[in-house]
Amino acid sequence: MEIKLETINNITILNVEGDIFAEDSMKLKDALDKLFQSNKIKVILNLDKTNVISSVGLGVILAALIKFRKYSGDICLCLVKDFVKKVLKTTKVDNIVEAYENVAAAVEALS
């Protein structure tokens, strides 16, 4: 898994390239922690190139979301593939983390 950063209107986009398995979750956690420490607390996870996410990966996203929201930030998802949508729905994470059809819609929501 690779993570590429992009910024639009003070919103950081993490372009996740590859699946988020348990062993990859630490890389995602580190990226989110660095953003938090830099006060970049409006984040979009672009999952266009992610077909699978583990429960550990979901835990990392939820833990970061709680921390970011405590300081008026937020994390949302965009371009979520069908299998990942099913995982989000099954675990009810879709009730906590917003998911958008594209980057532009996610940027607008966080602006």
Protein backbone atom coordinates (compact mmCIF):
# COMPACT_ATOMS: atom_id res chain seq x y z
CA MET A 1 0.00 0.00 0.00
CA GLU A 2 1.20 3.48 -0.89
CA ILE A 3 -0.17 6.81 0.32
CA LYS A 4 0.19 9.97 -1.73
CA LEU A 5 -0.73 13.37 -0.26
CA GLU A 6 -2.51 16.16 -2.07
CA THR A 7 -3.98 19.42 -0.75
CA ILE A 8 -7.04 21.29 -2.00
CA ASN A 9 -8.42 24.33 -0.12
CA ASN A 10 -6.64 23.43 3.16
CA ILE A 11 -8.06 19.90 2.96
CA THR A 12 -5.58 17.04 2.79
CA ILE A 13 -6.36 14.15 0.49
CA LEU A 14 -4.72 10.82 1.22
CA ASN A 15 -4.73 8.89 -2.03
CA VAL A 16 -4.49 5.30 -0.81
CA GLU A 17 -3.06 3.03 -3.49
CA GLY A 18 -3.60 -0.60 -2.60
CA ASP A 19 -5.50 -2.64 -0.07
CA ILE A 20 -5.44 -1.83 3.63
CA PHE A 21 -4.58 -5.06 5.39
CA ALA A 22 -3.61 -5.30 9.06
CA GLU A 23 0.10 -5.04 8.23
CA ASP A 24 -0.52 -1.85 6.20
CA SER A 25 -2.59 -0.16 8.89
CA MET A 26 0.43 1.25 10.72
CA LYS A 27 1.44 3.16 7.59
CA LEU A 28 -2.04 4.70 7.46
CA LYS A 29 -1.95 5.46 11.20
CA ASP A 30 1.44 7.16 10.84
CA ALA A 31 0.20 9.30 7.93
CA LEU A 32 -2.90 10.37 9.89
CA ASP A 33 -0.84 11.05 13.03
CA LYS A 34 1.56 13.30 11.08
CA LEU A 35 -1.37 15.25 9.66
CA PHE A 36 -2.86 15.68 13.14
CA GLN A 37 0.47 16.87 14.56
CA SER A 38 0.67 19.41 11.72
CA ASN A 39 -2.87 20.61 12.51
CA LYS A 40 -4.14 19.31 9.16
CA ILE A 41 -7.37 17.94 10.55
CA LYS A 42 -9.67 18.00 7.52
CA VAL A 43 -8.83 14.83 5.63
CA ILE A 44 -10.27 12.88 2.72
CA LEU A 45 -9.29 9.25 2.23
CA ASN A 46 -9.49 8.57 -1.50
CA LEU A 47 -10.08 4.81 -1.70
CA ASP A 48 -10.37 4.62 -5.49
CA LYS A 49 -7.50 2.13 -5.65
CA THR A 50 -8.44 0.18 -2.52
CA ASN A 51 -10.41 -3.05 -2.95
CA VAL A 52 -10.13 -4.44 0.61
CA ILE A 53 -9.91 -2.96 4.09
CA SER A 54 -9.27 -4.96 7.25
CA SER A 55 -10.88 -4.44 10.63
CA VAL A 56 -7.56 -3.07 11.85
CA GLY A 57 -7.65 -0.49 9.05
CA LEU A 58 -11.19 0.50 10.05
CA GLY A 59 -10.01 0.86 13.64
CA VAL A 60 -7.22 3.20 12.58
CA ILE A 61 -9.66 5.38 10.64
CA LEU A 62 -12.17 5.49 13.52
CA ALA A 63 -9.52 6.30 16.14
CA ALA A 64 -8.20 9.15 13.98
CA LEU A 65 -11.73 10.37 13.29
CA ILE A 66 -12.51 10.65 17.01
CA LYS A 67 -9.29 12.58 17.60
CA PHE A 68 -9.79 14.89 14.59
CA ARG A 69 -13.42 15.67 15.46
CA LYS A 70 -12.43 16.54 19.03
CA TYR A 71 -10.50 19.47 17.51
CA SER A 72 -13.19 20.43 14.94
CA GLY A 73 -11.63 18.41 12.16
CA ASP A 74 -13.10 15.54 10.17
CA ILE A 75 -12.25 12.56 8.02
CA CYS A 76 -14.36 11.38 5.14
CA LEU A 77 -14.01 8.83 2.38
CA CYS A 78 -14.47 9.06 -1.36
CA LEU A 79 -14.53 6.78 -4.39
CA VAL A 80 -15.23 3.75 -2.21
CA LYS A 81 -15.32 0.41 -4.06
CA ASP A 82 -18.28 -1.97 -3.67
CA PHE A 83 -16.56 -4.50 -1.40
CA VAL A 84 -15.29 -1.78 0.93
CA LYS A 85 -18.81 -0.26 0.96
CA LYS A 86 -20.15 -3.66 2.07
CA VAL A 87 -17.57 -3.81 4.87
CA LEU A 88 -18.50 -0.29 5.99
CA LYS A 89 -22.20 -1.16 5.95
CA THR A 90 -21.77 -4.51 7.73
CA THR A 91 -19.70 -2.93 10.49
CA LYS A 92 -22.01 0.12 10.59
CA VAL A 93 -19.01 2.40 10.07
CA ASP A 94 -21.00 3.97 7.23
CA ASN A 95 -23.15 5.59 9.95
CA ILE A 96 -20.07 7.32 11.40
CA VAL A 97 -17.83 8.17 8.43
CA GLU A 98 -19.30 9.96 5.43
CA ALA A 99 -18.47 8.59 1.99
CA TYR A 100 -18.73 10.63 -1.21
CA GLU A 101 -18.90 9.68 -4.87
CA ASN A 102 -15.89 11.78 -5.86
CA VAL A 103 -13.13 14.03 -4.54
CA ALA A 104 -14.94 17.24 -5.47
CA ALA A 105 -18.03 16.30 -3.41
CA ALA A 106 -15.84 15.39 -0.44
CA VAL A 107 -13.90 18.66 -0.67
CA GLU A 108 -17.16 20.61 -0.81
CA ALA A 109 -18.49 18.77 2.25
CA LEU A 110 -15.38 19.56 4.31
CA SER A 111 -15.09 23.19 3.16
